[in-house]
C-alpha cells in the first residue's frame, strides 16, 4: 500500500490523466444506465404501477394488451375463481386527443379501470372521480406541458368523445405516451361511438375489454388458466416486455452499457500495461532486493482500485448534478440499487482489466531487468 500511494503521489500528471479518462467513462456508463432505466419506466410505468400479479389476455395475442379482447363473462368467471375483489377489467387503447378549442394533437393511451378499485391511480392534483362519474378523466401530468389544465375538455379524434379533466396523476404512461384514465362506463360509450363513426352501426352492447388484472397466488393462477378457455395468463413482467418497442429499446441500451464496461476495462488495461512495461527495471530491482511478487501485484491492484473508486465518486456527483438540471421530458432514473450494482460492476471490470499488468509483473525476471538497466 505504501508503494502504491507513494508512486501515485510522485507521478501526479500520469495518474491524473488516467483518472480523468476513468471519470468520463464511468460518467457515461452511469448516465446511459440511468437513461435506460428511465426509458424502461416511461415505456411501461402504468403497467408497473398496477398492483396486479398477473393478467388474463386472449389466446395468441402475443402478450399484448392491444391485440387482446376479453368479454364481461370472462371477467365475471375470473372473479368467481380468484375472488371478485381480485379480478378487475382493464381496457387499453392508444389514440390521439385534441384539447377543446385548440389544434394541438396529443398521442395518449386510454386506460379503462375501475376507479373505485385497486387499479385506480393516485391523484396528485385535482378531484378524484368514481366509477359512476360520467365524461370525466384523470390524466398524466405530462399533458400539462401541452396546455391541458384541470377543467380542460379533451376530444378523442377517433370517436369524437369528450371528457373533462378532473385531476392529474404522476408517472403514468404506456409506450412513451401519457396515460388517460377513464371509468368503465365511459369505456363502453367510447366503443359505441367508435363503431358509429366507423360506419359499423351501433355496438352490440357487449362489454369488451383488453385484459383482466389479477391478484392471486400461483395455485389460483393455474386454476384460472385451466378454467378459462381461449385465454392465456401471463405475469406482469411478461406484459411489460410485450409492450411495443420495450425489448428492442432496452436491448440496444443494454448492449451499449455492456460495450462501455468492456471499453473501460480495455482502456484501463492498456494504460496500466504500458506503465508496467515502463517500470520493468524498477520492478526488477525491487524483486532483486527481496520484494515479493505478491506485494508488487497488490500495489498495482491497489492503484487500480483507488483510481476506479475515486473516479466513481466524482462520476456519481456529476450524474446527480446533471439529473438536477435535466428537463422533465427526459426520462432518467438511477435508483440506489441500480447505482450500487453499476458501480460494483465497474470496479470489478476495472480490476479485471488490471490482471494483464499483474501477470506482467509476475513474469518480470530480476536479473534480466537489472541487466537491461545496466546496459
Protein backbone atom coordinates (compact mmCIF):
# COMPACT_ATOMS: atom_id res chain seq x y z
CA UNK A 1 0.00 0.00 0.00
CA UNK A 2 2.85 2.37 0.82
CA UNK A 3 4.48 1.79 -2.57
CA UNK A 4 1.22 2.28 -4.49
CA UNK A 5 0.30 5.58 -2.83
CA UNK A 6 3.89 6.90 -2.93
CA UNK A 7 4.14 6.24 -6.65
CA UNK A 8 0.77 7.90 -7.38
CA UNK A 9 1.86 10.98 -5.45
CA UNK A 10 5.18 11.09 -7.33
CA UNK A 11 3.64 10.75 -10.84
CA UNK A 12 0.63 13.02 -10.35
CA UNK A 13 0.26 14.05 -14.00
CA UNK A 14 0.26 10.48 -15.27
CA UNK A 15 -2.31 9.21 -12.82
CA UNK A 16 -4.45 12.34 -13.09
CA UNK A 17 -4.74 11.69 -16.83
CA UNK A 18 -5.81 8.09 -16.20
CA UNK A 19 -8.29 9.21 -13.51
CA UNK A 20 -9.80 11.82 -15.84
CA UNK A 21 -10.42 9.21 -18.54
CA UNK A 22 -11.94 6.87 -15.95
CA UNK A 23 -14.22 9.63 -14.64
CA UNK A 24 -15.52 10.31 -18.15
CA UNK A 25 -16.06 6.62 -18.91
CA UNK A 26 -17.73 5.98 -15.54
CA UNK A 27 -19.96 9.03 -16.00
CA UNK A 28 -21.00 7.78 -19.43
CA UNK A 29 -21.77 4.32 -18.03
CA UNK A 30 -23.88 5.74 -15.20
CA UNK A 31 -25.67 8.24 -17.41
CA UNK A 32 -26.61 5.66 -20.06
CA UNK A 33 -27.71 3.27 -17.30
CA UNK A 34 -29.95 5.94 -15.79
CA UNK A 35 -31.32 6.76 -19.22
CA UNK A 36 -32.04 3.09 -19.91
CA UNK A 37 -33.86 2.73 -16.58
CA UNK A 38 -35.77 5.95 -17.18
CA UNK A 39 -36.86 4.91 -20.65
CA UNK A 40 -37.88 1.47 -19.37
CA UNK A 41 -40.05 3.02 -16.67
CA UNK A 42 -41.52 5.65 -19.00
CA UNK A 43 -42.41 2.94 -21.52
CA UNK A 44 -44.36 0.84 -19.03
CA UNK A 45 -44.96 2.98 -15.94
CA UNK A 46 -48.72 2.45 -15.81
CA UNK A 47 -48.40 -1.34 -16.00
CA UNK A 48 -45.55 -1.43 -13.48
CA UNK A 49 -47.54 0.74 -11.07
CA UNK A 50 -50.51 -1.64 -11.09
CA UNK A 51 -50.88 -3.89 -8.07
CA UNK A 52 -51.71 -6.88 -10.29
CA UNK A 53 -49.57 -10.01 -10.18
CA UNK A 54 -50.89 -11.46 -13.47
CA UNK A 55 -53.01 -10.52 -16.47
CA UNK A 56 -55.50 -12.61 -18.42
CA UNK A 57 -55.33 -11.98 -22.16
CA UNK A 58 -56.89 -13.51 -25.22
CA UNK A 59 -55.03 -16.53 -26.53
CA UNK A 60 -52.48 -15.90 -29.33
CA UNK A 61 -52.33 -12.17 -28.54
CA UNK A 62 -48.53 -12.36 -28.13
CA UNK A 63 -48.92 -10.99 -24.58
CA UNK A 64 -50.01 -7.61 -25.98
CA UNK A 65 -52.96 -5.76 -24.48
CA UNK A 66 -53.89 -4.05 -27.73
CA UNK A 67 -54.24 -7.41 -29.55
CA UNK A 68 -56.46 -8.96 -26.91
CA UNK A 69 -60.23 -8.92 -26.41
CA UNK A 70 -61.90 -10.10 -23.21
CA UNK A 71 -65.66 -10.00 -22.62
CA UNK A 72 -67.59 -9.38 -19.41
CA UNK A 73 -68.45 -13.08 -19.00
CA UNK A 74 -64.74 -13.92 -18.80
CA UNK A 75 -64.21 -11.12 -16.27
CA UNK A 76 -67.03 -12.50 -14.11
CA UNK A 77 -65.72 -16.05 -14.37
CA UNK A 78 -62.23 -14.97 -13.39
CA UNK A 79 -63.72 -13.16 -10.40
CA UNK A 80 -65.53 -16.32 -9.30
CA UNK A 81 -62.21 -18.23 -9.34
CA UNK A 82 -59.82 -15.79 -7.65
CA UNK A 83 -62.38 -13.68 -5.83
CA UNK A 84 -64.37 -10.79 -7.26
CA UNK A 85 -62.21 -8.22 -5.49
CA UNK A 86 -59.05 -9.74 -7.02
CA UNK A 87 -60.10 -9.58 -10.69
CA UNK A 88 -60.66 -6.28 -12.46
CA UNK A 89 -61.18 -5.47 -16.11
CA UNK A 90 -58.65 -3.36 -17.99
CA UNK A 91 -59.17 -1.52 -21.26
CA UNK A 92 -56.20 -0.20 -23.24
CA UNK A 93 -56.37 1.95 -26.35
CA UNK A 94 -53.73 4.15 -27.95
CA UNK A 95 -55.30 7.17 -29.58
CA UNK A 96 -54.98 10.90 -30.26
CA UNK A 97 -56.79 13.61 -28.33
CA UNK A 98 -57.23 17.31 -29.02
CA UNK A 99 -57.81 19.88 -26.26
CA UNK A 100 -61.11 21.63 -26.96
CA UNK A 101 -60.64 24.90 -28.83
CA UNK A 102 -57.09 24.05 -29.89
CA UNK A 103 -55.49 22.31 -32.86
CA UNK A 104 -52.67 20.58 -30.97
CA UNK A 105 -52.88 16.80 -31.28
CA UNK A 106 -51.57 14.70 -28.40
CA UNK A 107 -50.87 10.98 -28.54
CA UNK A 108 -52.14 9.27 -25.40
CA UNK A 109 -53.11 5.84 -24.11
CA UNK A 110 -56.59 5.42 -22.71
CA UNK A 111 -56.75 3.10 -19.69
CA UNK A 112 -60.21 1.99 -18.60
CA UNK A 113 -60.17 0.81 -14.98
CA UNK A 114 -62.50 0.57 -12.02
CA UNK A 115 -61.73 3.95 -10.47
CA UNK A 116 -63.08 2.71 -7.13
CA UNK A 117 -60.77 -0.31 -7.16
CA UNK A 118 -57.09 -1.10 -6.73
CA UNK A 119 -56.20 -0.31 -10.34
CA UNK A 120 -57.05 3.35 -9.83
CA UNK A 121 -54.00 5.67 -9.87
CA UNK A 122 -53.03 8.05 -7.09
CA UNK A 123 -54.18 11.61 -7.72
CA UNK A 124 -51.58 14.35 -7.23
CA UNK A 125 -53.78 17.33 -8.10
CA UNK A 126 -57.48 17.91 -8.65
CA UNK A 127 -60.55 15.89 -7.70
CA UNK A 128 -60.99 12.11 -7.73
CA UNK A 129 -63.67 10.52 -9.87
CA UNK A 130 -65.67 7.40 -9.17
CA UNK A 131 -66.73 4.58 -11.45
CA UNK A 132 -70.13 6.29 -11.81
CA UNK A 133 -68.78 9.75 -12.79
CA UNK A 134 -69.62 10.39 -16.43
CA UNK A 135 -67.36 12.04 -19.02
CA UNK A 136 -64.53 12.84 -16.59
CA UNK A 137 -60.95 11.57 -16.74
CA UNK A 138 -57.66 11.64 -14.87
CA UNK A 139 -54.60 12.47 -16.97
CA UNK A 140 -50.84 12.22 -16.57
CA UNK A 141 -49.03 15.39 -15.55
CA UNK A 142 -47.10 15.45 -18.83
CA UNK A 143 -50.25 16.70 -20.55
CA UNK A 144 -49.91 19.96 -18.62
CA UNK A 145 -46.89 20.72 -20.83
CA UNK A 146 -49.32 20.75 -23.78
CA UNK A 147 -51.62 23.27 -22.10
CA UNK A 148 -54.08 20.82 -20.54
CA UNK A 149 -55.39 22.02 -17.17
CA UNK A 150 -57.94 20.86 -14.62
CA UNK A 151 -61.32 21.60 -16.18
CA UNK A 152 -59.98 21.37 -19.74
CA UNK A 153 -62.01 19.34 -22.22
CA UNK A 154 -60.16 16.85 -24.41
CA UNK A 155 -61.69 15.27 -27.51
CA UNK A 156 -60.87 11.81 -28.80
CA UNK A 157 -60.07 12.14 -32.51
CA UNK A 158 -61.27 8.63 -33.41
CA UNK A 159 -64.66 8.65 -31.69
CA UNK A 160 -65.38 12.32 -31.05
CA UNK A 161 -65.93 11.52 -27.37
CA UNK A 162 -65.34 14.46 -24.99
CA UNK A 163 -64.02 14.27 -21.44
CA UNK A 164 -63.40 16.87 -18.76
CA UNK A 165 -60.06 16.66 -16.94
CA UNK A 166 -60.80 16.26 -13.23
CA UNK A 167 -57.28 15.68 -11.95
CA UNK A 168 -53.66 14.88 -12.62
CA UNK A 169 -51.67 11.75 -11.82
CA UNK A 170 -47.91 11.34 -11.87
CA UNK A 171 -45.62 8.86 -13.66
CA UNK A 172 -48.40 7.15 -15.59
CA UNK A 173 -47.50 6.29 -19.17
CA UNK A 174 -47.75 3.48 -21.68
CA UNK A 175 -45.44 3.03 -24.67
CA UNK A 176 -43.98 6.52 -24.05
CA UNK A 177 -47.41 8.17 -24.26
CA UNK A 178 -49.12 9.82 -21.27
CA UNK A 179 -51.99 7.83 -19.75
CA UNK A 180 -55.59 8.99 -19.57
CA UNK A 181 -57.74 7.09 -17.05
CA UNK A 182 -61.46 6.73 -17.60
CA UNK A 183 -64.10 4.60 -15.93
CA UNK A 184 -65.73 1.51 -17.41
CA UNK A 185 -68.97 3.23 -18.40
CA UNK A 186 -67.12 5.84 -20.45
CA UNK A 187 -65.09 2.99 -21.98
CA UNK A 188 -68.31 1.31 -23.20
CA UNK A 189 -69.58 4.64 -24.56
CA UNK A 190 -66.26 5.14 -26.34
CA UNK A 191 -66.58 1.77 -28.08
CA UNK A 192 -70.13 2.57 -29.20
CA UNK A 193 -69.14 5.97 -30.60
CA UNK A 194 -66.14 4.45 -32.39
CA UNK A 195 -68.39 1.82 -34.05
CA UNK A 196 -70.81 4.51 -35.19
CA UNK A 197 -68.04 6.71 -36.60
CA UNK A 198 -66.54 3.81 -38.49
CA UNK A 199 -69.90 3.14 -40.16
CA UNK A 200 -70.46 -0.18 -38.41
CA UNK A 201 -73.71 0.89 -36.81
CA UNK A 202 -74.13 0.79 -33.09
CA UNK A 203 -72.06 -1.56 -30.96
CA UNK A 204 -73.55 -4.88 -29.93
CA UNK A 205 -73.82 -3.72 -26.33
CA UNK A 206 -71.42 -6.34 -25.03
CA UNK A 207 -68.67 -5.12 -22.74
CA UNK A 208 -65.29 -5.73 -24.35
CA UNK A 209 -62.01 -5.11 -22.56
CA UNK A 210 -58.39 -5.91 -23.35
CA UNK A 211 -57.33 -7.78 -20.23
CA UNK A 212 -58.21 -8.86 -16.72
CA UNK A 213 -55.86 -7.72 -13.96
CA UNK A 214 -55.42 -10.43 -11.34
CA UNK A 215 -54.10 -10.54 -7.78
CA UNK A 216 -53.71 -14.22 -6.94
CA UNK A 217 -51.38 -16.98 -5.77
CA UNK A 218 -49.70 -19.38 -8.21
CA UNK A 219 -52.25 -22.12 -7.40
CA UNK A 220 -55.16 -19.85 -8.26
CA UNK A 221 -53.39 -18.77 -11.44
CA UNK A 222 -53.08 -22.40 -12.58
CA UNK A 223 -56.77 -22.97 -11.84
CA UNK A 224 -57.61 -19.80 -13.75
CA UNK A 225 -55.63 -20.97 -16.77
CA UNK A 226 -57.40 -24.33 -16.86
CA UNK A 227 -60.93 -22.98 -16.40
CA UNK A 228 -60.79 -20.03 -18.80
CA UNK A 229 -60.65 -21.36 -22.38
CA UNK A 230 -59.07 -19.37 -25.22
CA UNK A 231 -57.08 -17.22 -22.80
CA UNK A 232 -53.53 -17.00 -21.51
CA UNK A 233 -52.44 -15.92 -18.04
CA UNK A 234 -49.16 -14.00 -18.02
CA UNK A 235 -47.00 -12.39 -15.35
CA UNK A 236 -46.72 -8.62 -15.05
CA UNK A 237 -43.10 -8.78 -16.25
CA UNK A 238 -44.21 -10.58 -19.41
CA UNK A 239 -46.85 -7.93 -20.08
CA UNK A 240 -44.22 -5.20 -19.67
CA UNK A 241 -41.78 -6.93 -22.04
CA UNK A 242 -44.51 -7.26 -24.68
CA UNK A 243 -45.19 -3.52 -24.87
CA UNK A 244 -44.25 -2.41 -28.42
CA UNK A 245 -40.59 -1.41 -28.63
CA UNK A 246 -39.78 -2.22 -24.99
CA UNK A 247 -37.45 -5.19 -25.55
CA UNK A 248 -35.80 -3.64 -28.61
CA UNK A 249 -35.16 -0.34 -26.84
CA UNK A 250 -33.79 -1.97 -23.70
CA UNK A 251 -31.74 -4.46 -25.71
CA UNK A 252 -29.96 -1.67 -27.59
CA UNK A 253 -29.24 0.32 -24.44
CA UNK A 254 -28.04 -2.73 -22.50
CA UNK A 255 -25.66 -3.56 -25.37
CA UNK A 256 -24.29 -0.01 -25.23
CA UNK A 257 -23.75 -0.31 -21.47
CA UNK A 258 -22.03 -3.69 -21.87
CA UNK A 259 -19.69 -2.27 -24.52
CA UNK A 260 -18.91 0.70 -22.27
CA UNK A 261 -17.90 -1.68 -19.48
CA UNK A 262 -15.66 -3.62 -21.86
CA UNK A 263 -14.15 -0.41 -23.27
CA UNK A 264 -13.43 0.94 -19.78
CA UNK A 265 -11.71 -2.31 -18.79
CA UNK A 266 -9.71 -2.33 -22.03
CA UNK A 267 -8.61 1.33 -21.70
CA UNK A 268 -7.54 0.80 -18.12
CA UNK A 269 -5.72 -2.41 -19.01
CA UNK A 270 -3.76 -0.69 -21.80
CA UNK A 271 -2.80 2.27 -19.61
CA UNK A 272 -1.52 0.16 -16.75
CA UNK A 273 0.18 -2.33 -19.06
CA UNK A 274 2.17 0.48 -20.70
CA UNK A 275 3.05 1.91 -17.27
CA UNK A 276 4.10 -1.55 -16.09
CA UNK A 277 6.39 -2.01 -19.11
CA UNK A 278 7.96 1.38 -18.44
CA UNK A 279 8.65 0.32 -14.84
CA UNK A 280 10.07 -3.11 -15.69
CA UNK A 281 13.55 -2.15 -14.47
CA UNK A 282 12.26 -0.72 -11.19
CA UNK A 283 10.19 -3.83 -10.54
CA UNK A 284 13.24 -5.95 -11.32
CA UNK A 285 15.37 -4.06 -8.80
CA UNK A 286 12.66 -4.36 -6.16
CA UNK A 287 12.49 -8.10 -6.77
CA UNK A 288 16.30 -8.34 -6.57
CA UNK A 289 16.35 -6.74 -3.12
CA UNK A 290 13.75 -9.18 -1.84
CA UNK A 291 10.37 -7.61 -2.57
CA UNK A 292 7.80 -10.31 -3.12
CA UNK A 293 5.87 -10.56 -6.38
CA UNK A 294 2.59 -10.69 -4.42
CA UNK A 295 3.43 -7.33 -2.82
CA UNK A 296 4.09 -5.73 -6.22
CA UNK A 297 0.90 -7.27 -7.66
CA UNK A 298 -1.11 -5.90 -4.74
CA UNK A 299 0.45 -2.49 -5.37
CA UNK A 300 -0.77 -2.44 -8.98
CA UNK A 301 -4.21 -3.73 -7.96
CA UNK A 302 -4.50 -1.11 -5.22
CA UNK A 303 -3.71 1.67 -7.67
CA UNK A 304 -6.49 0.45 -9.97
CA UNK A 305 -8.90 0.17 -7.04
CA UNK A 306 -8.13 3.68 -5.76
CA UNK A 307 -8.49 5.19 -9.22
CA UNK A 308 -11.73 3.34 -10.03
CA UNK A 309 -13.40 4.13 -6.69
CA UNK A 310 -12.26 7.76 -6.77
CA UNK A 311 -13.46 8.12 -10.34
CA UNK A 312 -16.83 6.62 -9.44
CA UNK A 313 -17.32 9.08 -6.58
CA UNK A 314 -16.73 12.02 -8.91
CA UNK A 315 -18.90 10.42 -11.61
CA UNK A 316 -21.82 9.92 -9.22
CA UNK A 317 -21.63 13.58 -8.20
CA UNK A 318 -21.59 14.63 -11.86
CA UNK A 319 -24.58 12.39 -12.68
CA UNK A 320 -26.57 13.82 -9.77
CA UNK A 321 -25.73 17.33 -10.97
CA UNK A 322 -26.88 16.52 -14.49
CA UNK A 323 -30.03 14.83 -13.18
CA UNK A 324 -30.96 18.00 -11.30
CA UNK A 325 -30.82 20.12 -14.47
CA UNK A 326 -32.32 17.61 -16.91
CA UNK A 327 -35.72 18.64 -18.35
CA UNK A 328 -38.74 16.74 -17.06
CA UNK A 329 -39.40 15.47 -20.60
CA UNK A 330 -36.22 13.39 -20.47
CA UNK A 331 -36.85 10.16 -18.56
CA UNK A 332 -33.96 9.42 -16.21
CA UNK A 333 -33.91 7.06 -13.24
CA UNK A 334 -30.95 5.85 -11.26
CA UNK A 335 -32.12 4.25 -8.04
CA UNK A 336 -29.79 3.26 -5.23
CA UNK A 337 -29.87 -0.46 -6.10
CA UNK A 338 -29.07 0.17 -9.77
CA UNK A 339 -26.39 2.71 -8.85
CA UNK A 340 -24.72 0.31 -6.41
CA UNK A 341 -24.81 -2.58 -8.89
CA UNK A 342 -23.40 -0.44 -11.71
CA UNK A 343 -20.58 0.91 -9.51
CA UNK A 344 -19.71 -2.57 -8.28
CA UNK A 345 -19.66 -3.89 -11.86
CA UNK A 346 -17.42 -1.01 -12.93
CA UNK A 347 -14.92 -1.74 -10.13
CA UNK A 348 -14.91 -5.46 -10.99
CA UNK A 349 -14.33 -4.74 -14.68
CA UNK A 350 -11.53 -2.32 -13.80
CA UNK A 351 -9.83 -4.90 -11.60
CA UNK A 352 -10.28 -7.48 -14.34
CA UNK A 353 -8.57 -5.10 -16.77
CA UNK A 354 -5.58 -4.81 -14.42
CA UNK A 355 -4.92 -8.57 -14.44
CA UNK A 356 -2.72 -8.31 -17.53
CA UNK A 357 -0.47 -5.84 -15.66
CA UNK A 358 -0.36 -8.16 -12.65
CA UNK A 359 0.61 -11.02 -14.97
CA UNK A 360 3.35 -8.85 -16.47
CA UNK A 361 4.72 -8.02 -13.00
CA UNK A 362 4.78 -11.71 -12.10
CA UNK A 363 6.76 -12.52 -15.27
CA UNK A 364 9.48 -9.92 -14.69
CA UNK A 365 12.86 -11.54 -14.14
CA UNK A 366 15.02 -9.60 -11.67
CA UNK A 367 18.36 -10.41 -13.28
CA UNK A 368 17.12 -9.69 -16.77
CA UNK A 369 15.63 -6.35 -15.70
CA UNK A 370 18.81 -5.31 -13.88
CA UNK A 371 20.89 -6.36 -16.90
CA UNK A 372 18.85 -4.15 -19.22
CA UNK A 373 19.18 -1.25 -16.79
CA UNK A 374 22.94 -1.63 -16.69
CA UNK A 375 23.14 -1.79 -20.47
